[in-house]
C-alpha atoms as a PDB file:
ATOM      1  CA  ARG A   1     -11.496  -0.316  14.673  1.00  0.00           C
ATOM      2  CA  VAL A   2      -9.130  -1.565  11.979  1.00  0.00           C
ATOM      3  CA  HIS A   3      -8.732  -0.108   8.500  1.00  0.00           C
ATOM      4  CA  HIS A   4      -6.942  -2.218   5.931  1.00  0.00           C
ATOM      5  CA  ALA A   5      -5.015  -0.942   2.918  1.00  0.00           C
ATOM      6  CA  THR A   6      -3.331  -3.343   0.511  1.00  0.00           C
ATOM      7  CA  THR A   7      -0.888  -0.812  -0.946  1.00  0.00           C
ATOM      8  CA  GLY A   8       1.145   2.094   0.344  1.00  0.00           C
ATOM      9  CA  ARG A   9      -0.787   4.405  -1.965  1.00  0.00           C
ATOM     10  CA  ALA A  10      -4.092   3.169  -0.513  1.00  0.00           C
ATOM     11  CA  ALA A  11      -2.802   3.839   3.010  1.00  0.00           C
ATOM     12  CA  LEU A  12      -1.924   7.413   2.049  1.00  0.00           C
ATOM     13  CA  ASP A  13      -5.336   7.854   0.418  1.00  0.00           C
ATOM     14  CA  LEU A  14      -7.058   6.838   3.674  1.00  0.00           C
ATOM     15  CA  LEU A  15      -5.082   9.461   5.569  1.00  0.00           C
ATOM     16  CA  GLU A  16      -5.852  12.096   2.945  1.00  0.00           C
ATOM     17  CA  LYS A  17      -9.564  11.333   3.302  1.00  0.00           C
ATOM     18  CA  GLY A  18      -9.324  12.295   6.975  1.00  0.00           C
ATOM     19  CA  LEU A  19      -8.758   8.959   8.664  1.00  0.00           C
ATOM     20  CA  ALA A  20      -6.903   9.636  11.927  1.00  0.00           C
ATOM     21  CA  PRO A  21      -5.729   6.275  13.281  1.00  0.00           C
ATOM     22  CA  GLN A  22      -4.021   5.890  16.653  1.00  0.00           C
ATOM     23  CA  PHE A  23      -1.145   4.119  14.901  1.00  0.00           C
ATOM     24  CA  ALA A  24      -0.247   2.411  11.627  1.00  0.00           C
ATOM     25  CA  VAL A  25       1.431  -0.882  10.803  1.00  0.00           C
ATOM     26  CA  LEU A  26       3.113  -0.644   7.402  1.00  0.00           C
ATOM     27  CA  ASP A  27       4.720  -3.556   5.619  1.00  0.00           C
ATOM     28  CA  ILE A  28       8.016  -2.638   4.045  1.00  0.00           C
ATOM     29  CA  GLU A  29       7.182  -4.586   0.860  1.00  0.00           C
ATOM     30  CA  MET A  30       3.795  -3.122  -0.082  1.00  0.00           C
ATOM     31  CA  PRO A  31       2.989  -2.741  -3.785  1.00  0.00           C
ATOM     32  CA  GLU A  32       2.749   0.639  -5.557  1.00  0.00           C
ATOM     33  CA  LEU A  33       4.468   2.458  -2.704  1.00  0.00           C
ATOM     34  CA  ASP A  34       6.514   0.544  -0.133  1.00  0.00           C
ATOM     35  CA  GLY A  35       6.298   1.171   3.587  1.00  0.00           C
ATOM     36  CA  LEU A  36       9.495   3.219   3.715  1.00  0.00           C
ATOM     37  CA  ALA A  37       8.382   5.570   0.932  1.00  0.00           C
ATOM     38  CA  ALA A  38       4.879   5.836   2.402  1.00  0.00           C
ATOM     39  CA  THR A  39       6.337   6.721   5.800  1.00  0.00           C
ATOM     40  CA  ARG A  40       8.568   9.403   4.298  1.00  0.00           C
ATOM     41  CA  LEU A  41       5.537  10.957   2.590  1.00  0.00           C
ATOM     42  CA  ILE A  42       3.472  10.778   5.777  1.00  0.00           C
ATOM     43  CA  ARG A  43       6.237  12.531   7.748  1.00  0.00           C
ATOM     44  CA  GLU A  44       6.634  15.160   5.028  1.00  0.00           C
ATOM     45  CA  ARG A  45       2.913  15.913   5.047  1.00  0.00           C
ATOM     46  CA  GLU A  46       2.828  16.032   8.847  1.00  0.00           C
ATOM     47  CA  GLY A  47       5.565  18.651   8.753  1.00  0.00           C
ATOM     48  CA  LYS A  48       3.980  20.755   6.027  1.00  0.00           C
ATOM     49  CA  GLU A  49       0.458  20.587   7.406  1.00  0.00           C
ATOM     50  CA  GLY A  50       1.239  20.623  11.132  1.00  0.00           C
ATOM     51  CA  ARG A  51      -0.428  17.273  11.649  1.00  0.00           C
ATOM     52  CA  LYS A  52       0.041  15.241  14.805  1.00  0.00           C
ATOM     53  CA  ARG A  53       2.735  12.554  14.408  1.00  0.00           C
ATOM     54  CA  LEU A  54       1.269   9.165  13.509  1.00  0.00           C
ATOM     55  CA  PRO A  55       3.124   6.323  15.264  1.00  0.00           C
ATOM     56  CA  ILE A  56       4.227   3.850  12.587  1.00  0.00           C
ATOM     57  CA  LEU A  57       5.345   0.260  13.130  1.00  0.00           C
ATOM     58  CA  ALA A  58       7.403  -1.370  10.376  1.00  0.00           C
ATOM     59  CA  LEU A  59       6.477  -4.926   9.483  1.00  0.00           C
ATOM     60  CA  THR A  60       9.204  -6.772   7.603  1.00  0.00           C
ATOM     61  CA  SER A  61      10.959 -10.061   7.035  1.00  0.00           C
ATOM     62  CA  ASN A  62      14.273  -8.194   7.266  1.00  0.00           C
ATOM     63  CA  ALA A  63      15.707  -8.419  10.767  1.00  0.00           C
ATOM     64  CA  ARG A  64      19.252  -7.130  10.306  1.00  0.00           C
ATOM     65  CA  PRO A  65      20.354  -4.111  12.353  1.00  0.00           C
ATOM     66  CA  GLU A  66      20.784  -2.047   9.177  1.00  0.00           C
ATOM     67  CA  ASP A  67      17.152  -2.816   8.213  1.00  0.00           C
ATOM     68  CA  TYR A  68      16.016  -1.509  11.593  1.00  0.00           C
ATOM     69  CA  ARG A  69      18.114   1.643  11.146  1.00  0.00           C
ATOM     70  CA  GLU A  70      16.641   2.172   7.665  1.00  0.00           C
ATOM     71  CA  CYS A  71      13.112   2.023   9.106  1.00  0.00           C
ATOM     72  CA  LEU A  72      13.975   4.574  11.788  1.00  0.00           C
ATOM     73  CA  ALA A  73      15.697   6.826   9.236  1.00  0.00           C
ATOM     74  CA  ALA A  74      12.511   6.789   7.115  1.00  0.00           C
ATOM     75  CA  GLY A  75      10.542   8.003  10.144  1.00  0.00           C
ATOM     76  CA  MET A  76       9.102   4.764  11.482  1.00  0.00           C
ATOM     77  CA  ASP A  77       8.845   4.423  15.251  1.00  0.00           C
ATOM     78  CA  GLY A  78       9.203   0.670  15.666  1.00  0.00           C
ATOM     79  CA  HIS A  79      10.092  -2.524  13.858  1.00  0.00           C
ATOM     80  CA  LEU A  80       8.572  -6.022  13.945  1.00  0.00           C
ATOM     81  CA  SER A  81      10.163  -8.877  12.042  1.00  0.00           C
ATOM     82  CA  LYS A  82       8.273 -11.742  10.427  1.00  0.00           C
ATOM     83  CA  PRO A  83       7.431 -14.374  11.348  1.00  0.00           C
ATOM     84  CA  PHE A  84       5.733 -13.170  14.504  1.00  0.00           C
ATOM     85  CA  ASP A  85       2.870 -14.329  16.664  1.00  0.00           C
ATOM     86  CA  ARG A  86      -0.041 -12.436  18.151  1.00  0.00           C
ATOM     87  CA  GLN A  87       1.809 -11.730  21.402  1.00  0.00           C
ATOM     88  CA  ASP A  88       4.758 -10.231  19.492  1.00  0.00           C
ATOM     89  CA  LEU A  89       2.350  -7.900  17.684  1.00  0.00           C
ATOM     90  CA  VAL A  90       0.570  -6.915  20.896  1.00  0.00           C
ATOM     91  CA  GLU A  91       3.900  -6.133  22.574  1.00  0.00           C
ATOM     92  CA  ALA A  92       5.163  -4.119  19.590  1.00  0.00           C
ATOM     93  CA  ILE A  93       1.970  -2.047  19.513  1.00  0.00           C
ATOM     94  CA  ALA A  94       2.093  -1.496  23.285  1.00  0.00           C
ATOM     95  CA  LYS A  95       5.699  -0.297  22.978  1.00  0.00           C
ATOM     96  CA  LEU A  96       4.732   1.978  20.094  1.00  0.00           C
ATOM     97  CA  MET A  97       1.915   3.529  22.100  1.00  0.00           C
ATOM     98  CA  ARG A  98       4.162   4.030  25.158  1.00  0.00           C
ATOM     99  CA  PHE A  99       6.557   5.862  22.833  1.00  0.00           C
ATOM    100  CA  ARG A 100       3.693   8.049  21.659  1.00  0.00           C
ATOM    101  CA  GLY A 101       2.691   8.818  25.225  1.00  0.00           C
ATOM    102  CA  ALA A 102       6.223   9.934  26.050  1.00  0.00           C
ATOM    103  CA  ALA A 103       6.416  12.336  23.099  1.00  0.00           C
END
């Protein structure tokens, strides 16, 4: 089942309403609240409320090593650069879920 949020704020609202997804794909350039800021807030709330860690995949057109490091520093677990095809997305999600299984 897929839930779609068009802004970072909307993504946070879904989580606050009790949605418990297996993982999230957050675009770095979302309106209202970008993916990095949304991830930081998600991680903060997980820590305060003892929630299970939500695996988060960054989706971005920025593919430089420093962009990847910035995503990880914000608390994201993976990084997928645009443009990508369906197979790239499937592989990134599979890697993300393997990471979750190892935690």
